[in-house]
Amino acid sequence: MAISTRIRTGIGQLTDMPPITLSEGKLTDQQAAYITDTLRGLIRAFNGRISLGDGSNSSLSGNIDGQTREFFFAAANTDYEVPHGLGRPPIGILVLDVNVDAAVVRGNQRGDWNASRLFLRCSQAGTTALFVMV
């Protein structure tokens, strides 16, 4: 399976800040206002607003270093290779939603998780699961 590139949706993420250049060793009023707004954005984002993103498939998971993925498990208790775009081996998954009463767990090939794939299994055939790989 191909690597699943993380998509930036902007949900739960702060915008990048352009470089600040001083004029005669001073900040302009506009630069000072921009820095203030950026710092306020950081404060708002981290005071009770850590986000898992918008849940769209392959999207960055908000402020968390992860990737959201929707995956269909055709067979029960079978290991499935799930590509991801973390660029590092994941430490686990956070299951957000499943369409039936089922458990999504790590597969038997946990040692084979790497920077582009992991292995999962599900207890119920025909399950669609939404999870975040972290």
N, C-alpha and C. Protein backbone atom coordinates (compact mmCIF):
# COMPACT_ATOMS: atom_id res chain seq x y z
N MET A 1 0.84 -1.19 0.00
CA MET A 1 0.00 0.00 0.00
C MET A 1 0.87 1.24 0.00
N ALA A 2 0.38 2.29 -0.58
CA ALA A 2 1.13 3.55 -0.69
C ALA A 2 1.06 4.32 0.63
N ILE A 3 2.06 5.14 0.86
CA ILE A 3 2.08 6.01 2.03
C ILE A 3 0.91 6.98 1.92
N SER A 4 0.27 7.24 3.03
CA SER A 4 -0.86 8.16 3.08
C SER A 4 -0.36 9.52 3.55
N THR A 5 -0.25 10.46 2.65
CA THR A 5 0.25 11.79 2.97
C THR A 5 -0.74 12.53 3.87
N ARG A 6 -0.23 13.21 4.89
CA ARG A 6 -1.10 13.98 5.77
C ARG A 6 -1.56 15.24 5.08
N ILE A 7 -2.85 15.52 5.17
CA ILE A 7 -3.47 16.68 4.52
C ILE A 7 -3.70 17.76 5.57
N ARG A 8 -3.29 18.97 5.27
CA ARG A 8 -3.50 20.10 6.18
C ARG A 8 -4.87 20.73 5.90
N THR A 9 -5.79 20.60 6.86
CA THR A 9 -7.11 21.21 6.70
C THR A 9 -7.21 22.55 7.41
N GLY A 10 -6.26 22.84 8.30
CA GLY A 10 -6.28 24.10 9.04
C GLY A 10 -7.09 24.04 10.31
N ILE A 11 -7.87 22.99 10.50
CA ILE A 11 -8.69 22.86 11.70
C ILE A 11 -7.79 22.50 12.88
N GLY A 12 -7.84 23.32 13.93
CA GLY A 12 -7.05 23.06 15.12
C GLY A 12 -5.58 23.39 14.97
N GLN A 13 -5.22 24.08 13.90
CA GLN A 13 -3.82 24.39 13.67
C GLN A 13 -3.63 25.90 13.63
N LEU A 14 -2.48 26.34 14.11
CA LEU A 14 -2.15 27.76 14.06
C LEU A 14 -1.42 28.06 12.76
N THR A 15 -1.64 29.23 12.23
CA THR A 15 -0.95 29.61 11.00
C THR A 15 0.51 29.90 11.29
N ASP A 16 1.35 29.75 10.29
CA ASP A 16 2.76 30.04 10.42
C ASP A 16 2.95 31.56 10.48
N MET A 17 3.99 31.98 11.14
CA MET A 17 4.27 33.41 11.30
C MET A 17 5.41 33.81 10.37
N PRO A 18 5.23 34.87 9.59
CA PRO A 18 6.33 35.29 8.72
C PRO A 18 7.48 35.87 9.54
N PRO A 19 8.66 35.93 8.95
CA PRO A 19 9.80 36.49 9.68
C PRO A 19 9.57 37.96 10.01
N ILE A 20 10.08 38.37 11.15
CA ILE A 20 9.97 39.76 11.60
C ILE A 20 11.29 40.45 11.28
N THR A 21 11.23 41.55 10.57
CA THR A 21 12.44 42.33 10.29
C THR A 21 12.32 43.68 11.00
N LEU A 22 13.39 44.06 11.65
CA LEU A 22 13.39 45.32 12.40
C LEU A 22 13.77 46.47 11.49
N SER A 23 13.15 47.61 11.76
CA SER A 23 13.49 48.83 11.05
C SER A 23 14.16 49.76 12.06
N GLU A 24 15.43 50.01 11.86
CA GLU A 24 16.23 50.82 12.78
C GLU A 24 16.19 50.24 14.20
N GLY A 25 16.19 48.90 14.28
CA GLY A 25 16.21 48.23 15.57
C GLY A 25 14.89 48.21 16.31
N LYS A 26 13.79 48.58 15.62
CA LYS A 26 12.49 48.66 16.29
C LYS A 26 11.44 47.87 15.52
N LEU A 27 10.40 47.47 16.26
CA LEU A 27 9.23 46.86 15.64
C LEU A 27 8.26 47.95 15.21
N THR A 28 7.57 47.72 14.13
CA THR A 28 6.50 48.64 13.74
C THR A 28 5.25 48.30 14.55
N ASP A 29 4.30 49.21 14.57
CA ASP A 29 3.03 48.95 15.27
C ASP A 29 2.35 47.71 14.67
N GLN A 30 2.41 47.55 13.36
CA GLN A 30 1.79 46.41 12.70
C GLN A 30 2.47 45.10 13.14
N GLN A 31 3.79 45.09 13.23
CA GLN A 31 4.51 43.89 13.65
C GLN A 31 4.18 43.55 15.11
N ALA A 32 4.13 44.55 15.97
CA ALA A 32 3.80 44.33 17.38
C ALA A 32 2.38 43.76 17.50
N ALA A 33 1.43 44.28 16.72
CA ALA A 33 0.06 43.78 16.74
C ALA A 33 0.00 42.34 16.25
N TYR A 34 0.78 42.02 15.23
CA TYR A 34 0.79 40.66 14.68
C TYR A 34 1.35 39.67 15.71
N ILE A 35 2.43 40.06 16.38
CA ILE A 35 3.03 39.20 17.41
C ILE A 35 2.03 38.99 18.55
N THR A 36 1.37 40.04 18.96
CA THR A 36 0.37 39.94 20.02
C THR A 36 -0.76 39.02 19.61
N ASP A 37 -1.27 39.17 18.39
CA ASP A 37 -2.35 38.30 17.91
C ASP A 37 -1.91 36.84 17.84
N THR A 38 -0.69 36.61 17.41
CA THR A 38 -0.16 35.24 17.33
C THR A 38 -0.05 34.63 18.72
N LEU A 39 0.46 35.36 19.67
CA LEU A 39 0.57 34.85 21.04
C LEU A 39 -0.81 34.59 21.64
N ARG A 40 -1.76 35.46 21.38
CA ARG A 40 -3.14 35.23 21.85
C ARG A 40 -3.72 33.97 21.21
N GLY A 41 -3.41 33.75 19.94
CA GLY A 41 -3.86 32.54 19.27
C GLY A 41 -3.30 31.29 19.93
N LEU A 42 -2.01 31.33 20.30
CA LEU A 42 -1.39 30.21 21.00
C LEU A 42 -2.07 29.95 22.34
N ILE A 43 -2.32 31.01 23.08
CA ILE A 43 -2.96 30.87 24.38
C ILE A 43 -4.35 30.26 24.22
N ARG A 44 -5.15 30.76 23.28
CA ARG A 44 -6.49 30.22 23.04
C ARG A 44 -6.43 28.77 22.59
N ALA A 45 -5.45 28.43 21.75
CA ALA A 45 -5.35 27.07 21.21
C ALA A 45 -5.00 26.05 22.29
N PHE A 46 -4.25 26.45 23.29
CA PHE A 46 -3.80 25.48 24.28
C PHE A 46 -4.54 25.56 25.60
N ASN A 47 -5.38 26.53 25.81
CA ASN A 47 -6.18 26.60 27.02
C ASN A 47 -7.51 25.90 26.80
N GLY A 48 -7.47 24.58 26.90
CA GLY A 48 -8.70 23.80 26.76
C GLY A 48 -9.15 23.57 25.34
N ARG A 49 -8.31 23.85 24.35
CA ARG A 49 -8.73 23.70 22.97
C ARG A 49 -7.76 22.85 22.14
N ILE A 50 -7.10 21.90 22.79
CA ILE A 50 -6.29 20.97 22.02
C ILE A 50 -7.25 20.23 21.10
N SER A 51 -6.90 20.12 19.84
CA SER A 51 -7.83 19.60 18.84
C SER A 51 -7.32 18.32 18.20
N LEU A 52 -8.26 17.47 17.81
CA LEU A 52 -7.95 16.30 17.00
C LEU A 52 -8.30 16.56 15.54
N GLY A 53 -8.49 17.82 15.17
CA GLY A 53 -8.75 18.18 13.78
C GLY A 53 -10.21 18.03 13.41
N ASP A 54 -10.47 17.93 12.09
CA ASP A 54 -11.86 17.85 11.62
C ASP A 54 -12.30 16.43 11.28
N GLY A 55 -11.41 15.45 11.46
CA GLY A 55 -11.77 14.06 11.24
C GLY A 55 -11.79 13.62 9.79
N SER A 56 -11.37 14.48 8.86
CA SER A 56 -11.37 14.07 7.46
C SER A 56 -10.24 13.10 7.20
N ASN A 57 -10.47 12.14 6.31
CA ASN A 57 -9.54 11.06 6.04
C ASN A 57 -8.17 11.58 5.61
N SER A 58 -7.13 11.08 6.21
CA SER A 58 -5.71 11.40 5.96
C SER A 58 -5.32 12.79 6.43
N SER A 59 -6.20 13.51 7.13
CA SER A 59 -5.85 14.86 7.58
C SER A 59 -4.94 14.82 8.79
N LEU A 60 -4.18 15.91 8.96
CA LEU A 60 -3.43 16.10 10.20
C LEU A 60 -4.45 16.11 11.33
N SER A 61 -4.05 15.62 12.48
CA SER A 61 -4.99 15.52 13.59
C SER A 61 -4.87 16.74 14.50
N GLY A 62 -5.23 17.89 13.97
CA GLY A 62 -5.25 19.12 14.76
C GLY A 62 -3.90 19.47 15.35
N ASN A 63 -3.88 19.71 16.67
CA ASN A 63 -2.65 20.06 17.38
C ASN A 63 -1.84 18.84 17.78
N ILE A 64 -2.37 17.66 17.55
CA ILE A 64 -1.71 16.42 17.95
C ILE A 64 -0.84 15.93 16.79
N ASP A 65 0.35 15.42 17.08
CA ASP A 65 1.21 14.88 16.02
C ASP A 65 0.69 13.51 15.63
N GLY A 66 -0.30 13.51 14.76
CA GLY A 66 -0.92 12.28 14.32
C GLY A 66 -1.57 12.46 12.96
N GLN A 67 -2.28 11.42 12.52
CA GLN A 67 -2.99 11.47 11.25
C GLN A 67 -4.31 10.73 11.41
N THR A 68 -5.38 11.35 10.96
CA THR A 68 -6.71 10.76 11.01
C THR A 68 -6.89 9.84 9.82
N ARG A 69 -7.51 8.70 10.05
CA ARG A 69 -7.70 7.75 8.96
C ARG A 69 -9.03 7.03 9.10
N GLU A 70 -9.74 6.88 8.00
CA GLU A 70 -10.92 6.02 7.96
C GLU A 70 -10.52 4.77 7.21
N PHE A 71 -10.89 3.61 7.74
CA PHE A 71 -10.42 2.35 7.15
C PHE A 71 -11.54 1.32 7.24
N PHE A 72 -11.67 0.51 6.18
CA PHE A 72 -12.67 -0.55 6.13
C PHE A 72 -12.01 -1.90 6.37
N PHE A 73 -12.51 -2.63 7.35
CA PHE A 73 -12.03 -3.97 7.68
C PHE A 73 -13.02 -4.98 7.10
N ALA A 74 -12.67 -5.61 6.00
CA ALA A 74 -13.58 -6.54 5.33
C ALA A 74 -13.75 -7.84 6.13
N ALA A 75 -12.67 -8.35 6.70
CA ALA A 75 -12.70 -9.61 7.43
C ALA A 75 -12.41 -9.37 8.91
N ALA A 76 -12.96 -10.21 9.76
CA ALA A 76 -12.72 -10.11 11.20
C ALA A 76 -11.39 -10.77 11.56
N ASN A 77 -10.75 -10.22 12.60
CA ASN A 77 -9.54 -10.81 13.19
C ASN A 77 -8.45 -11.12 12.16
N THR A 78 -8.31 -10.22 11.21
CA THR A 78 -7.29 -10.34 10.16
C THR A 78 -6.43 -9.08 10.19
N ASP A 79 -5.12 -9.25 10.17
CA ASP A 79 -4.23 -8.09 10.16
C ASP A 79 -4.33 -7.36 8.83
N TYR A 80 -4.49 -6.03 8.88
CA TYR A 80 -4.51 -5.18 7.69
C TYR A 80 -3.38 -4.19 7.78
N GLU A 81 -2.68 -4.01 6.67
CA GLU A 81 -1.64 -2.98 6.59
C GLU A 81 -2.33 -1.64 6.35
N VAL A 82 -2.02 -0.66 7.18
CA VAL A 82 -2.61 0.67 7.06
C VAL A 82 -1.46 1.66 6.81
N PRO A 83 -1.39 2.25 5.61
CA PRO A 83 -0.34 3.23 5.34
C PRO A 83 -0.62 4.54 6.08
N HIS A 84 0.43 5.25 6.42
CA HIS A 84 0.27 6.55 7.08
C HIS A 84 1.39 7.48 6.64
N GLY A 85 1.25 8.74 6.99
CA GLY A 85 2.24 9.75 6.62
C GLY A 85 2.90 10.42 7.80
N LEU A 86 3.03 9.71 8.92
CA LEU A 86 3.63 10.31 10.11
C LEU A 86 5.12 10.57 9.95
N GLY A 87 5.78 9.77 9.13
CA GLY A 87 7.22 9.92 8.96
C GLY A 87 8.00 9.33 10.13
N ARG A 88 7.33 8.56 10.98
CA ARG A 88 7.94 7.89 12.13
C ARG A 88 7.02 6.73 12.50
N PRO A 89 7.53 5.75 13.22
CA PRO A 89 6.62 4.68 13.66
C PRO A 89 5.60 5.24 14.65
N PRO A 90 4.33 4.91 14.48
CA PRO A 90 3.33 5.39 15.44
C PRO A 90 3.48 4.67 16.78
N ILE A 91 2.98 5.29 17.84
CA ILE A 91 3.00 4.65 19.15
C ILE A 91 1.68 3.95 19.44
N GLY A 92 0.64 4.28 18.69
CA GLY A 92 -0.65 3.66 18.91
C GLY A 92 -1.74 4.36 18.11
N ILE A 93 -2.98 3.99 18.42
CA ILE A 93 -4.14 4.60 17.75
C ILE A 93 -5.15 5.05 18.78
N LEU A 94 -5.92 6.06 18.42
CA LEU A 94 -7.07 6.51 19.21
C LEU A 94 -8.29 6.28 18.32
N VAL A 95 -9.14 5.33 18.69
CA VAL A 95 -10.33 5.04 17.89
C VAL A 95 -11.39 6.09 18.22
N LEU A 96 -11.87 6.77 17.17
CA LEU A 96 -12.86 7.83 17.35
C LEU A 96 -14.28 7.35 17.10
N ASP A 97 -14.45 6.45 16.11
CA ASP A 97 -15.80 6.04 15.74
C ASP A 97 -15.73 4.72 14.96
N VAL A 98 -16.70 3.85 15.18
CA VAL A 98 -16.87 2.64 14.38
C VAL A 98 -18.35 2.52 14.02
N ASN A 99 -18.65 1.91 12.89
CA ASN A 99 -20.04 1.86 12.43
C ASN A 99 -20.82 0.67 13.00
N VAL A 100 -20.15 -0.26 13.68
CA VAL A 100 -20.80 -1.39 14.33
C VAL A 100 -20.15 -1.62 15.69
N ASP A 101 -20.70 -2.53 16.46
CA ASP A 101 -20.13 -2.85 17.76
C ASP A 101 -18.89 -3.73 17.54
N ALA A 102 -17.72 -3.11 17.52
CA ALA A 102 -16.48 -3.82 17.20
C ALA A 102 -15.31 -3.15 17.91
N ALA A 103 -14.24 -3.90 18.05
CA ALA A 103 -13.00 -3.38 18.63
C ALA A 103 -11.92 -3.35 17.56
N VAL A 104 -11.25 -2.21 17.43
CA VAL A 104 -10.11 -2.08 16.53
C VAL A 104 -8.87 -2.09 17.42
N VAL A 105 -7.95 -3.02 17.12
CA VAL A 105 -6.77 -3.19 17.96
C VAL A 105 -5.54 -3.35 17.07
N ARG A 106 -4.37 -3.29 17.69
CA ARG A 106 -3.14 -3.49 16.92
C ARG A 106 -3.07 -4.93 16.45
N GLY A 107 -2.47 -5.12 15.29
CA GLY A 107 -2.31 -6.46 14.75
C GLY A 107 -1.14 -7.18 15.40
N ASN A 108 -0.98 -8.43 15.04
CA ASN A 108 0.11 -9.25 15.58
C ASN A 108 1.48 -8.79 15.10
N GLN A 109 1.52 -7.95 14.06
CA GLN A 109 2.78 -7.50 13.48
C GLN A 109 3.22 -6.15 14.05
N ARG A 110 2.99 -5.91 15.33
CA ARG A 110 3.33 -4.63 15.97
C ARG A 110 4.79 -4.27 15.74
N GLY A 111 5.66 -5.26 15.73
CA GLY A 111 7.08 -5.01 15.51
C GLY A 111 7.41 -4.53 14.11
N ASP A 112 6.47 -4.70 13.18
CA ASP A 112 6.68 -4.26 11.80
C ASP A 112 6.16 -2.85 11.54
N TRP A 113 5.62 -2.18 12.55
CA TRP A 113 5.18 -0.80 12.37
C TRP A 113 6.42 0.03 12.03
N ASN A 114 6.28 0.93 11.07
CA ASN A 114 7.43 1.76 10.71
C ASN A 114 6.97 3.16 10.32
N ALA A 115 7.83 3.92 9.66
CA ALA A 115 7.56 5.32 9.34
C ALA A 115 6.48 5.49 8.27
N SER A 116 5.99 4.39 7.67
CA SER A 116 4.98 4.54 6.63
C SER A 116 3.80 3.59 6.75
N ARG A 117 3.83 2.65 7.71
CA ARG A 117 2.72 1.71 7.82
C ARG A 117 2.59 1.17 9.24
N LEU A 118 1.37 0.69 9.54
CA LEU A 118 1.11 -0.03 10.77
C LEU A 118 0.13 -1.15 10.44
N PHE A 119 -0.09 -2.04 11.38
CA PHE A 119 -0.99 -3.17 11.16
C PHE A 119 -2.07 -3.16 12.24
N LEU A 120 -3.33 -3.24 11.79
CA LEU A 120 -4.47 -3.25 12.70
C LEU A 120 -5.39 -4.40 12.35
N ARG A 121 -6.23 -4.76 13.30
CA ARG A 121 -7.26 -5.75 13.05
C ARG A 121 -8.54 -5.30 13.75
N CYS A 122 -9.65 -5.92 13.36
CA CYS A 122 -10.94 -5.56 13.92
C CYS A 122 -11.70 -6.84 14.26
N SER A 123 -12.48 -6.79 15.32
CA SER A 123 -13.19 -7.98 15.79
C SER A 123 -14.43 -8.33 14.97
N GLN A 124 -14.88 -7.42 14.12
CA GLN A 124 -16.12 -7.62 13.37
C GLN A 124 -15.88 -7.35 11.89
N ALA A 125 -16.28 -8.28 11.03
CA ALA A 125 -16.16 -8.08 9.58
C ALA A 125 -17.09 -6.96 9.12
N GLY A 126 -16.68 -6.26 8.08
CA GLY A 126 -17.50 -5.21 7.51
C GLY A 126 -17.54 -3.93 8.33
N THR A 127 -16.51 -3.69 9.10
CA THR A 127 -16.46 -2.52 9.97
C THR A 127 -15.71 -1.38 9.30
N THR A 128 -16.28 -0.19 9.36
CA THR A 128 -15.58 1.03 8.97
C THR A 128 -15.23 1.76 10.26
N ALA A 129 -13.96 2.07 10.43
CA ALA A 129 -13.49 2.71 11.65
C ALA A 129 -12.80 4.02 11.33
N LEU A 130 -12.99 5.00 12.18
CA LEU A 130 -12.28 6.28 12.10
C LEU A 130 -11.36 6.33 13.32
N PHE A 131 -10.06 6.54 13.07
CA PHE A 131 -9.10 6.56 14.16
C PHE A 131 -7.99 7.55 13.86
N VAL A 132 -7.25 7.91 14.90
CA VAL A 132 -6.09 8.78 14.78
C VAL A 132 -4.86 7.94 15.12
N MET A 133 -3.89 7.94 14.22
CA MET A 133 -2.62 7.27 14.47
C MET A 133 -1.69 8.31 15.11
N VAL A 134 -1.13 7.98 16.27
CA VAL A 134 -0.26 8.92 16.99
C VAL A 134 1.10 8.33 17.24
